[in-house]
């Protein structure tokens, strides 16, 4: 026999008592049946509240919050019906308009080894300022042929792979170069 939880045992006992009472008793007046039904509903409500399950209103709130977060995400302009109609009416952008969109400027990164890791050649490389720092990590892994590389900006902190190289360069540049130290093991705390 499968062991029952305490609430299931109580439920089965009360159900069997209810069944035996209803089978042996004469038809009861509707008010008595209604009271017992009300009592049973209150018991079930107590048991459910002890389980602390989220109510349907809680799940609706979380669904609404999730939908609002999805709506707040940026939608590319190419998916806009209005802009697609405007482009088809006005034609495709001219080549001069396309060439006017400037490419992000490139920034210089100086690589400095820490410990016994080999030197990357060339020591100073240029990368687009729009790239994430993860691109720098991939570059170093390939050049050094290592599985893991730990990088530090100005020997002080390890940037996350999602950080923008251009922003790091603007904030921490030295002589118009972002100094990135690298090693094979963790160097600083």
C-alpha atoms as a PDB file:
ATOM      1  CA  UNK A   1       0.000   0.000   0.000  1.00  0.00           C
ATOM      2  CA  UNK A   2       1.314   3.428  -0.892  1.00  0.00           C
ATOM      3  CA  UNK A   3       1.822   5.630   2.170  1.00  0.00           C
ATOM      4  CA  UNK A   4      -0.660   8.486   2.222  1.00  0.00           C
ATOM      5  CA  UNK A   5       0.038  11.991   3.321  1.00  0.00           C
ATOM      6  CA  UNK A   6      -1.671  13.117   6.479  1.00  0.00           C
ATOM      7  CA  UNK A   7      -4.147  15.321   4.636  1.00  0.00           C
ATOM      8  CA  UNK A   8      -4.982  12.487   2.213  1.00  0.00           C
ATOM      9  CA  UNK A   9      -5.638  10.134   5.131  1.00  0.00           C
ATOM     10  CA  UNK A  10      -7.946  12.664   6.766  1.00  0.00           C
ATOM     11  CA  UNK A  11      -9.644  13.245   3.442  1.00  0.00           C
ATOM     12  CA  UNK A  12     -10.254   9.532   2.831  1.00  0.00           C
ATOM     13  CA  UNK A  13     -11.604   9.057   6.383  1.00  0.00           C
ATOM     14  CA  UNK A  14     -13.907  12.057   6.157  1.00  0.00           C
ATOM     15  CA  UNK A  15     -15.026  10.960   2.662  1.00  0.00           C
ATOM     16  CA  UNK A  16     -15.823   7.440   3.866  1.00  0.00           C
ATOM     17  CA  UNK A  17     -17.697   8.847   6.872  1.00  0.00           C
ATOM     18  CA  UNK A  18     -19.613  11.166   4.588  1.00  0.00           C
ATOM     19  CA  UNK A  19     -20.459   8.319   2.202  1.00  0.00           C
ATOM     20  CA  UNK A  20     -21.614   6.047   5.049  1.00  0.00           C
ATOM     21  CA  UNK A  21     -23.710   8.811   6.589  1.00  0.00           C
ATOM     22  CA  UNK A  22     -25.330   9.706   3.294  1.00  0.00           C
ATOM     23  CA  UNK A  23     -26.044   6.042   2.447  1.00  0.00           C
ATOM     24  CA  UNK A  24     -27.533   5.083   5.832  1.00  0.00           C
ATOM     25  CA  UNK A  25     -29.398   8.257   6.615  1.00  0.00           C
ATOM     26  CA  UNK A  26     -32.809   9.168   5.393  1.00  0.00           C
ATOM     27  CA  UNK A  27     -32.996  11.986   2.878  1.00  0.00           C
ATOM     28  CA  UNK A  28     -31.998  15.108   4.747  1.00  0.00           C
ATOM     29  CA  UNK A  29     -33.509  18.481   4.376  1.00  0.00           C
ATOM     30  CA  UNK A  30     -31.779  20.677   1.772  1.00  0.00           C
ATOM     31  CA  UNK A  31     -30.492  23.105   4.423  1.00  0.00           C
ATOM     32  CA  UNK A  32     -28.550  20.365   6.282  1.00  0.00           C
ATOM     33  CA  UNK A  33     -26.976  19.175   3.009  1.00  0.00           C
ATOM     34  CA  UNK A  34     -26.076  22.728   2.132  1.00  0.00           C
ATOM     35  CA  UNK A  35     -24.411  23.268   5.542  1.00  0.00           C
ATOM     36  CA  UNK A  36     -22.359  20.076   5.247  1.00  0.00           C
ATOM     37  CA  UNK A  37     -21.350  21.050   1.741  1.00  0.00           C
ATOM     38  CA  UNK A  38     -20.328  24.474   3.027  1.00  0.00           C
ATOM     39  CA  UNK A  39     -18.296  22.830   5.817  1.00  0.00           C
ATOM     40  CA  UNK A  40     -16.538  20.551   3.338  1.00  0.00           C
ATOM     41  CA  UNK A  41     -15.705  23.502   1.118  1.00  0.00           C
ATOM     42  CA  UNK A  42     -14.245  25.363   4.085  1.00  0.00           C
ATOM     43  CA  UNK A  43     -12.131  22.304   4.985  1.00  0.00           C
ATOM     44  CA  UNK A  44     -10.793  22.059   1.439  1.00  0.00           C
ATOM     45  CA  UNK A  45     -10.075  25.774   1.456  1.00  0.00           C
ATOM     46  CA  UNK A  46      -8.054  25.392   4.693  1.00  0.00           C
ATOM     47  CA  UNK A  47      -6.074  22.491   3.255  1.00  0.00           C
ATOM     48  CA  UNK A  48      -5.324  24.390   0.073  1.00  0.00           C
ATOM     49  CA  UNK A  49      -4.208  27.440   2.023  1.00  0.00           C
ATOM     50  CA  UNK A  50      -1.808  25.234   4.007  1.00  0.00           C
ATOM     51  CA  UNK A  51      -0.225  24.120   0.739  1.00  0.00           C
ATOM     52  CA  UNK A  52       0.433  27.786  -0.145  1.00  0.00           C
ATOM     53  CA  UNK A  53      -0.162  27.303  -3.837  1.00  0.00           C
ATOM     54  CA  UNK A  54      -0.201  30.475  -5.950  1.00  0.00           C
ATOM     55  CA  UNK A  55      -3.720  31.629  -6.619  1.00  0.00           C
ATOM     56  CA  UNK A  56      -4.991  32.182 -10.133  1.00  0.00           C
ATOM     57  CA  UNK A  57      -4.796  35.956  -9.616  1.00  0.00           C
ATOM     58  CA  UNK A  58      -1.062  35.622  -8.782  1.00  0.00           C
ATOM     59  CA  UNK A  59      -0.399  33.694 -11.983  1.00  0.00           C
ATOM     60  CA  UNK A  60      -2.377  36.246 -13.980  1.00  0.00           C
ATOM     61  CA  UNK A  61      -0.242  39.036 -12.493  1.00  0.00           C
ATOM     62  CA  UNK A  62       2.966  37.222 -13.394  1.00  0.00           C
ATOM     63  CA  UNK A  63       1.648  36.618 -16.931  1.00  0.00           C
ATOM     64  CA  UNK A  64       0.856  40.318 -17.282  1.00  0.00           C
ATOM     65  CA  UNK A  65       4.299  41.300 -15.988  1.00  0.00           C
ATOM     66  CA  UNK A  66       5.940  38.860 -18.382  1.00  0.00           C
ATOM     67  CA  UNK A  67       3.947  40.208 -21.328  1.00  0.00           C
ATOM     68  CA  UNK A  68       4.856  43.787 -20.433  1.00  0.00           C
ATOM     69  CA  UNK A  69       8.542  42.827 -20.291  1.00  0.00           C
ATOM     70  CA  UNK A  70       8.271  41.238 -23.720  1.00  0.00           C
ATOM     71  CA  UNK A  71       6.630  44.373 -25.089  1.00  0.00           C
ATOM     72  CA  UNK A  72       9.382  46.570 -23.670  1.00  0.00           C
ATOM     73  CA  UNK A  73      12.065  44.736 -25.637  1.00  0.00           C
ATOM     74  CA  UNK A  74      13.322  46.637 -28.628  1.00  0.00           C
ATOM     75  CA  UNK A  75      11.783  45.715 -31.951  1.00  0.00           C
ATOM     76  CA  UNK A  76      13.922  46.196 -35.064  1.00  0.00           C
ATOM     77  CA  UNK A  77      12.659  48.907 -37.383  1.00  0.00           C
ATOM     78  CA  UNK A  78      12.661  46.485 -40.300  1.00  0.00           C
ATOM     79  CA  UNK A  79       9.630  44.726 -38.778  1.00  0.00           C
ATOM     80  CA  UNK A  80       7.528  47.877 -38.841  1.00  0.00           C
ATOM     81  CA  UNK A  81       4.682  47.751 -41.366  1.00  0.00           C
ATOM     82  CA  UNK A  82       4.605  51.533 -41.514  1.00  0.00           C
ATOM     83  CA  UNK A  83       8.317  51.879 -42.274  1.00  0.00           C
ATOM     84  CA  UNK A  84       8.197  49.076 -44.838  1.00  0.00           C
ATOM     85  CA  UNK A  85       5.366  50.902 -46.638  1.00  0.00           C
ATOM     86  CA  UNK A  86       7.261  54.199 -46.486  1.00  0.00           C
ATOM     87  CA  UNK A  87      10.365  52.619 -48.007  1.00  0.00           C
ATOM     88  CA  UNK A  88       8.414  50.974 -50.820  1.00  0.00           C
ATOM     89  CA  UNK A  89       6.648  54.260 -51.599  1.00  0.00           C
ATOM     90  CA  UNK A  90       9.832  56.298 -51.463  1.00  0.00           C
ATOM     91  CA  UNK A  91      12.039  53.622 -52.968  1.00  0.00           C
ATOM     92  CA  UNK A  92      15.137  52.030 -51.522  1.00  0.00           C
ATOM     93  CA  UNK A  93      17.687  54.246 -49.817  1.00  0.00           C
ATOM     94  CA  UNK A  94      20.307  55.541 -52.178  1.00  0.00           C
ATOM     95  CA  UNK A  95      23.918  54.424 -51.989  1.00  0.00           C
ATOM     96  CA  UNK A  96      24.896  57.864 -50.689  1.00  0.00           C
ATOM     97  CA  UNK A  97      22.461  57.426 -47.785  1.00  0.00           C
ATOM     98  CA  UNK A  98      23.914  54.013 -47.043  1.00  0.00           C
ATOM     99  CA  UNK A  99      27.484  55.307 -47.103  1.00  0.00           C
ATOM    100  CA  UNK A 100      26.549  58.160 -44.749  1.00  0.00           C
ATOM    101  CA  UNK A 101      25.967  55.749 -41.883  1.00  0.00           C
ATOM    102  CA  UNK A 102      29.382  55.846 -40.269  1.00  0.00           C
ATOM    103  CA  UNK A 103      31.051  52.706 -39.060  1.00  0.00           C
ATOM    104  CA  UNK A 104      31.902  52.797 -35.380  1.00  0.00           C
ATOM    105  CA  UNK A 105      35.436  54.068 -34.795  1.00  0.00           C
ATOM    106  CA  UNK A 106      38.155  51.599 -33.958  1.00  0.00           C
ATOM    107  CA  UNK A 107      40.023  51.736 -30.679  1.00  0.00           C
ATOM    108  CA  UNK A 108      43.529  50.562 -29.812  1.00  0.00           C
ATOM    109  CA  UNK A 109      44.095  47.799 -27.275  1.00  0.00           C
ATOM    110  CA  UNK A 110      47.539  47.116 -25.801  1.00  0.00           C
ATOM    111  CA  UNK A 111      48.014  43.539 -24.609  1.00  0.00           C
ATOM    112  CA  UNK A 112      50.365  42.868 -21.681  1.00  0.00           C
ATOM    113  CA  UNK A 113      51.085  39.326 -20.463  1.00  0.00           C
ATOM    114  CA  UNK A 114      51.082  38.434 -16.769  1.00  0.00           C
ATOM    115  CA  UNK A 115      53.272  35.570 -15.593  1.00  0.00           C
ATOM    116  CA  UNK A 116      54.593  32.923 -17.963  1.00  0.00           C
ATOM    117  CA  UNK A 117      51.992  33.401 -20.718  1.00  0.00           C
ATOM    118  CA  UNK A 118      53.473  34.242 -24.107  1.00  0.00           C
ATOM    119  CA  UNK A 119      53.341  37.702 -25.672  1.00  0.00           C
ATOM    120  CA  UNK A 120      50.677  38.349 -28.312  1.00  0.00           C
ATOM    121  CA  UNK A 121      52.066  39.830 -31.502  1.00  0.00           C
ATOM    122  CA  UNK A 122      51.362  42.580 -32.344  1.00  0.00           C
ATOM    123  CA  UNK A 123      51.166  44.082 -28.876  1.00  0.00           C
ATOM    124  CA  UNK A 124      48.722  46.791 -30.005  1.00  0.00           C
ATOM    125  CA  UNK A 125      45.614  45.777 -31.950  1.00  0.00           C
ATOM    126  CA  UNK A 126      42.649  47.787 -33.206  1.00  0.00           C
ATOM    127  CA  UNK A 127      39.041  46.699 -32.737  1.00  0.00           C
ATOM    128  CA  UNK A 128      35.679  48.278 -33.461  1.00  0.00           C
ATOM    129  CA  UNK A 129      34.347  50.241 -30.501  1.00  0.00           C
ATOM    130  CA  UNK A 130      30.955  48.558 -30.947  1.00  0.00           C
ATOM    131  CA  UNK A 131      32.373  45.074 -30.212  1.00  0.00           C
ATOM    132  CA  UNK A 132      31.850  43.392 -26.867  1.00  0.00           C
ATOM    133  CA  UNK A 133      34.790  42.433 -24.680  1.00  0.00           C
ATOM    134  CA  UNK A 134      33.946  38.805 -25.449  1.00  0.00           C
ATOM    135  CA  UNK A 135      35.455  39.336 -28.922  1.00  0.00           C
ATOM    136  CA  UNK A 136      38.755  40.304 -27.260  1.00  0.00           C
ATOM    137  CA  UNK A 137      38.627  37.132 -25.160  1.00  0.00           C
ATOM    138  CA  UNK A 138      38.017  34.972 -28.239  1.00  0.00           C
ATOM    139  CA  UNK A 139      40.911  36.697 -30.047  1.00  0.00           C
ATOM    140  CA  UNK A 140      43.295  36.031 -27.157  1.00  0.00           C
ATOM    141  CA  UNK A 141      42.199  32.399 -26.783  1.00  0.00           C
ATOM    142  CA  UNK A 142      42.853  31.753 -30.457  1.00  0.00           C
ATOM    143  CA  UNK A 143      46.197  33.562 -30.543  1.00  0.00           C
ATOM    144  CA  UNK A 144      47.482  31.940 -27.369  1.00  0.00           C
ATOM    145  CA  UNK A 145      45.851  28.565 -28.096  1.00  0.00           C
ATOM    146  CA  UNK A 146      44.484  28.345 -24.551  1.00  0.00           C
ATOM    147  CA  UNK A 147      41.101  27.177 -23.278  1.00  0.00           C
ATOM    148  CA  UNK A 148      40.784  29.915 -20.671  1.00  0.00           C
ATOM    149  CA  UNK A 149      42.267  33.385 -20.558  1.00  0.00           C
ATOM    150  CA  UNK A 150      41.755  35.819 -17.687  1.00  0.00           C
ATOM    151  CA  UNK A 151      41.846  39.481 -18.701  1.00  0.00           C
ATOM    152  CA  UNK A 152      42.186  42.591 -16.572  1.00  0.00           C
ATOM    153  CA  UNK A 153      41.814  46.218 -17.600  1.00  0.00           C
ATOM    154  CA  UNK A 154      44.709  48.316 -16.267  1.00  0.00           C
ATOM    155  CA  UNK A 155      45.614  45.473 -13.854  1.00  0.00           C
ATOM    156  CA  UNK A 156      42.628  46.387 -11.723  1.00  0.00           C
ATOM    157  CA  UNK A 157      39.403  44.583 -12.724  1.00  0.00           C
ATOM    158  CA  UNK A 158      38.115  41.845 -14.999  1.00  0.00           C
ATOM    159  CA  UNK A 159      35.441  43.157 -17.381  1.00  0.00           C
ATOM    160  CA  UNK A 160      32.469  40.986 -18.274  1.00  0.00           C
ATOM    161  CA  UNK A 161      32.282  39.591 -21.813  1.00  0.00           C
ATOM    162  CA  UNK A 162      29.131  41.662 -22.452  1.00  0.00           C
ATOM    163  CA  UNK A 163      30.790  45.022 -21.759  1.00  0.00           C
ATOM    164  CA  UNK A 164      31.327  47.310 -24.718  1.00  0.00           C
ATOM    165  CA  UNK A 165      34.969  47.831 -25.748  1.00  0.00           C
ATOM    166  CA  UNK A 166      34.290  51.443 -26.755  1.00  0.00           C
ATOM    167  CA  UNK A 167      32.915  52.306 -23.327  1.00  0.00           C
ATOM    168  CA  UNK A 168      35.856  50.631 -21.591  1.00  0.00           C
ATOM    169  CA  UNK A 169      38.254  52.534 -23.852  1.00  0.00           C
ATOM    170  CA  UNK A 170      36.550  55.876 -23.107  1.00  0.00           C
ATOM    171  CA  UNK A 171      36.718  55.337 -19.355  1.00  0.00           C
ATOM    172  CA  UNK A 172      40.076  53.582 -18.885  1.00  0.00           C
ATOM    173  CA  UNK A 173      42.311  54.569 -21.813  1.00  0.00           C
ATOM    174  CA  UNK A 174      45.973  55.392 -21.224  1.00  0.00           C
ATOM    175  CA  UNK A 175      47.707  57.275 -24.074  1.00  0.00           C
ATOM    176  CA  UNK A 176      44.694  56.494 -26.321  1.00  0.00           C
ATOM    177  CA  UNK A 177      45.073  52.743 -25.707  1.00  0.00           C
ATOM    178  CA  UNK A 178      43.062  50.374 -23.551  1.00  0.00           C
ATOM    179  CA  UNK A 179      45.601  48.369 -21.548  1.00  0.00           C
ATOM    180  CA  UNK A 180      44.472  44.741 -21.228  1.00  0.00           C
ATOM    181  CA  UNK A 181      46.607  42.397 -19.135  1.00  0.00           C
ATOM    182  CA  UNK A 182      46.050  38.679 -19.582  1.00  0.00           C
ATOM    183  CA  UNK A 183      47.127  35.410 -17.976  1.00  0.00           C
ATOM    184  CA  UNK A 184      46.246  31.714 -17.968  1.00  0.00           C
ATOM    185  CA  UNK A 185      45.253  31.586 -14.276  1.00  0.00           C
ATOM    186  CA  UNK A 186      43.460  34.012 -11.985  1.00  0.00           C
ATOM    187  CA  UNK A 187      45.945  36.745 -11.140  1.00  0.00           C
ATOM    188  CA  UNK A 188      43.984  39.094  -8.877  1.00  0.00           C
ATOM    189  CA  UNK A 189      41.590  37.937  -6.142  1.00  0.00           C
END
